[in-house]
Amino acid sequence: MSGERLGVVPVCDWAWLEILQLSEDEHRHAQDLSQHLDPGEAECLAIAKTHGWAIVTDDRAARIYARLLGIQ
């Protein structure tokens, strides 16, 4: 994990995190959002919107789009 290598994320066992695959709808939504956001933030917002989940991000633009999309 690059965050661990950079020293910004603690070194630990991340195996408990589930890796999600985007559905076709989520992929399309993420592509639309990626015109305004980095791909990772766009994908997170697309998944959060589909599942009704909240997200935590330090990316200001992603927070703005989350509010616009009704995502906590």
N, C-alpha and C. Protein backbone atom coordinates (compact mmCIF):
# COMPACT_ATOMS: atom_id res chain seq x y z
N MET A 1 0.85 -1.18 0.00
CA MET A 1 0.00 0.00 0.00
C MET A 1 0.89 1.24 0.00
N SER A 2 0.61 2.15 -0.91
CA SER A 2 1.47 3.33 -1.04
C SER A 2 1.42 4.22 0.20
N GLY A 3 0.29 4.30 0.87
CA GLY A 3 0.18 5.10 2.09
C GLY A 3 1.12 4.59 3.18
N GLU A 4 1.26 3.28 3.25
CA GLU A 4 2.19 2.71 4.22
C GLU A 4 3.63 3.06 3.84
N ARG A 5 3.95 2.93 2.56
CA ARG A 5 5.32 3.24 2.10
C ARG A 5 5.66 4.70 2.34
N LEU A 6 4.69 5.58 2.20
CA LEU A 6 4.91 7.01 2.41
C LEU A 6 4.90 7.38 3.89
N GLY A 7 4.46 6.46 4.74
CA GLY A 7 4.41 6.73 6.17
C GLY A 7 3.21 7.54 6.62
N VAL A 8 2.17 7.64 5.78
CA VAL A 8 0.99 8.42 6.15
C VAL A 8 -0.16 7.53 6.63
N VAL A 9 -0.01 6.23 6.46
CA VAL A 9 -1.00 5.25 6.91
C VAL A 9 -0.26 4.22 7.74
N PRO A 10 -0.81 3.83 8.88
CA PRO A 10 -0.10 2.85 9.71
C PRO A 10 0.07 1.51 8.99
N VAL A 11 1.18 0.87 9.24
CA VAL A 11 1.42 -0.46 8.70
C VAL A 11 0.62 -1.45 9.55
N CYS A 12 -0.29 -2.16 8.91
CA CYS A 12 -1.10 -3.14 9.62
C CYS A 12 -1.72 -4.10 8.62
N ASP A 13 -2.51 -5.02 9.10
CA ASP A 13 -3.19 -5.99 8.25
C ASP A 13 -4.48 -5.36 7.72
N TRP A 14 -4.51 -5.07 6.44
CA TRP A 14 -5.68 -4.45 5.83
C TRP A 14 -6.62 -5.48 5.21
N ALA A 15 -6.41 -6.77 5.49
CA ALA A 15 -7.20 -7.83 4.87
C ALA A 15 -8.70 -7.74 5.21
N TRP A 16 -9.03 -7.06 6.31
CA TRP A 16 -10.44 -6.94 6.70
C TRP A 16 -11.22 -6.01 5.78
N LEU A 17 -10.53 -5.18 5.01
CA LEU A 17 -11.22 -4.27 4.10
C LEU A 17 -11.72 -5.04 2.88
N GLU A 18 -12.97 -4.85 2.55
CA GLU A 18 -13.55 -5.50 1.39
C GLU A 18 -13.24 -4.66 0.14
N ILE A 19 -12.79 -5.31 -0.90
CA ILE A 19 -12.54 -4.64 -2.17
C ILE A 19 -13.78 -4.82 -3.03
N LEU A 20 -14.36 -3.72 -3.44
CA LEU A 20 -15.61 -3.76 -4.21
C LEU A 20 -15.33 -3.58 -5.70
N GLN A 21 -16.13 -4.24 -6.49
CA GLN A 21 -16.10 -4.04 -7.93
C GLN A 21 -17.30 -3.18 -8.30
N LEU A 22 -17.09 -2.18 -9.13
CA LEU A 22 -18.18 -1.30 -9.52
C LEU A 22 -19.14 -2.03 -10.46
N SER A 23 -20.43 -1.78 -10.25
CA SER A 23 -21.43 -2.27 -11.19
C SER A 23 -21.33 -1.41 -12.46
N GLU A 24 -22.03 -1.81 -13.50
CA GLU A 24 -22.02 -1.01 -14.73
C GLU A 24 -22.55 0.39 -14.48
N ASP A 25 -23.64 0.50 -13.71
CA ASP A 25 -24.21 1.81 -13.39
C ASP A 25 -23.22 2.66 -12.58
N GLU A 26 -22.57 2.04 -11.60
CA GLU A 26 -21.60 2.76 -10.78
C GLU A 26 -20.41 3.21 -11.63
N HIS A 27 -20.00 2.36 -12.55
CA HIS A 27 -18.88 2.71 -13.43
C HIS A 27 -19.25 3.92 -14.30
N ARG A 28 -20.45 3.93 -14.85
CA ARG A 28 -20.89 5.07 -15.67
C ARG A 28 -20.97 6.34 -14.83
N HIS A 29 -21.52 6.21 -13.63
CA HIS A 29 -21.63 7.37 -12.74
C HIS A 29 -20.23 7.89 -12.38
N ALA A 30 -19.32 6.98 -12.08
CA ALA A 30 -17.95 7.38 -11.75
C ALA A 30 -17.28 8.07 -12.93
N GLN A 31 -17.52 7.59 -14.14
CA GLN A 31 -16.95 8.25 -15.32
C GLN A 31 -17.46 9.68 -15.44
N ASP A 32 -18.74 9.88 -15.19
CA ASP A 32 -19.29 11.24 -15.23
C ASP A 32 -18.64 12.12 -14.16
N LEU A 33 -18.50 11.58 -12.96
CA LEU A 33 -17.91 12.35 -11.86
C LEU A 33 -16.43 12.61 -12.07
N SER A 34 -15.75 11.74 -12.79
CA SER A 34 -14.30 11.89 -12.98
C SER A 34 -13.95 13.08 -13.88
N GLN A 35 -14.97 13.71 -14.46
CA GLN A 35 -14.73 14.96 -15.17
C GLN A 35 -14.38 16.07 -14.18
N HIS A 36 -14.79 15.88 -12.93
CA HIS A 36 -14.60 16.90 -11.89
C HIS A 36 -13.73 16.43 -10.72
N LEU A 37 -13.56 15.11 -10.58
CA LEU A 37 -12.87 14.54 -9.44
C LEU A 37 -11.81 13.54 -9.90
N ASP A 38 -10.89 13.22 -9.01
CA ASP A 38 -9.93 12.14 -9.29
C ASP A 38 -10.71 10.83 -9.37
N PRO A 39 -10.19 9.85 -10.11
CA PRO A 39 -10.92 8.59 -10.29
C PRO A 39 -11.30 7.89 -8.97
N GLY A 40 -10.42 7.88 -8.00
CA GLY A 40 -10.73 7.22 -6.73
C GLY A 40 -11.90 7.86 -6.01
N GLU A 41 -11.92 9.17 -5.95
CA GLU A 41 -13.03 9.87 -5.31
C GLU A 41 -14.32 9.65 -6.09
N ALA A 42 -14.23 9.70 -7.42
CA ALA A 42 -15.42 9.49 -8.25
C ALA A 42 -16.01 8.11 -8.02
N GLU A 43 -15.16 7.09 -7.94
CA GLU A 43 -15.64 5.73 -7.70
C GLU A 43 -16.26 5.60 -6.31
N CYS A 44 -15.63 6.19 -5.31
CA CYS A 44 -16.18 6.14 -3.95
C CYS A 44 -17.55 6.79 -3.89
N LEU A 45 -17.71 7.92 -4.53
CA LEU A 45 -19.01 8.60 -4.53
C LEU A 45 -20.06 7.78 -5.27
N ALA A 46 -19.68 7.18 -6.39
CA ALA A 46 -20.64 6.36 -7.15
C ALA A 46 -21.12 5.18 -6.32
N ILE A 47 -20.21 4.52 -5.62
CA ILE A 47 -20.58 3.38 -4.78
C ILE A 47 -21.43 3.85 -3.60
N ALA A 48 -21.01 4.94 -2.95
CA ALA A 48 -21.76 5.45 -1.80
C ALA A 48 -23.18 5.82 -2.19
N LYS A 49 -23.34 6.45 -3.33
CA LYS A 49 -24.66 6.85 -3.80
C LYS A 49 -25.54 5.63 -4.04
N THR A 50 -25.00 4.61 -4.69
CA THR A 50 -25.77 3.41 -5.00
C THR A 50 -26.22 2.67 -3.74
N HIS A 51 -25.35 2.57 -2.76
CA HIS A 51 -25.63 1.78 -1.56
C HIS A 51 -26.20 2.60 -0.40
N GLY A 52 -26.28 3.92 -0.56
CA GLY A 52 -26.77 4.77 0.52
C GLY A 52 -25.77 4.89 1.66
N TRP A 53 -24.50 4.78 1.34
CA TRP A 53 -23.43 4.84 2.34
C TRP A 53 -22.91 6.26 2.50
N ALA A 54 -22.29 6.52 3.62
CA ALA A 54 -21.56 7.77 3.85
C ALA A 54 -20.11 7.55 3.43
N ILE A 55 -19.39 8.63 3.17
CA ILE A 55 -17.97 8.52 2.88
C ILE A 55 -17.21 9.49 3.77
N VAL A 56 -15.94 9.21 3.96
CA VAL A 56 -15.03 10.09 4.69
C VAL A 56 -13.90 10.42 3.72
N THR A 57 -13.67 11.70 3.49
CA THR A 57 -12.62 12.10 2.56
C THR A 57 -12.04 13.45 2.97
N ASP A 58 -10.77 13.64 2.64
CA ASP A 58 -10.13 14.93 2.88
C ASP A 58 -10.15 15.78 1.61
N ASP A 59 -10.77 15.27 0.56
CA ASP A 59 -10.82 15.97 -0.73
C ASP A 59 -12.02 16.93 -0.75
N ARG A 60 -11.73 18.22 -0.79
CA ARG A 60 -12.79 19.23 -0.72
C ARG A 60 -13.80 19.10 -1.85
N ALA A 61 -13.31 18.90 -3.07
CA ALA A 61 -14.21 18.77 -4.22
C ALA A 61 -15.13 17.56 -4.05
N ALA A 62 -14.59 16.46 -3.54
CA ALA A 62 -15.41 15.26 -3.32
C ALA A 62 -16.49 15.53 -2.28
N ARG A 63 -16.15 16.29 -1.23
CA ARG A 63 -17.15 16.62 -0.22
C ARG A 63 -18.27 17.48 -0.81
N ILE A 64 -17.90 18.40 -1.68
CA ILE A 64 -18.91 19.26 -2.33
C ILE A 64 -19.84 18.41 -3.19
N TYR A 65 -19.27 17.52 -4.01
CA TYR A 65 -20.10 16.67 -4.86
C TYR A 65 -20.92 15.70 -4.02
N ALA A 66 -20.38 15.22 -2.92
CA ALA A 66 -21.15 14.33 -2.03
C ALA A 66 -22.40 15.05 -1.54
N ARG A 67 -22.24 16.29 -1.11
CA ARG A 67 -23.41 17.07 -0.66
C ARG A 67 -24.42 17.24 -1.78
N LEU A 68 -23.93 17.55 -2.98
CA LEU A 68 -24.83 17.74 -4.13
C LEU A 68 -25.59 16.46 -4.44
N LEU A 69 -24.96 15.31 -4.21
CA LEU A 69 -25.60 14.02 -4.50
C LEU A 69 -26.39 13.47 -3.32
N GLY A 70 -26.39 14.21 -2.20
CA GLY A 70 -27.13 13.76 -1.03
C GLY A 70 -26.42 12.66 -0.25
N ILE A 71 -25.10 12.59 -0.39
CA ILE A 71 -24.30 11.58 0.32
C ILE A 71 -23.74 12.22 1.58
N GLN A 72 -23.88 11.52 2.70
CA GLN A 72 -23.32 12.03 3.97
C GLN A 72 -21.82 11.98 3.92
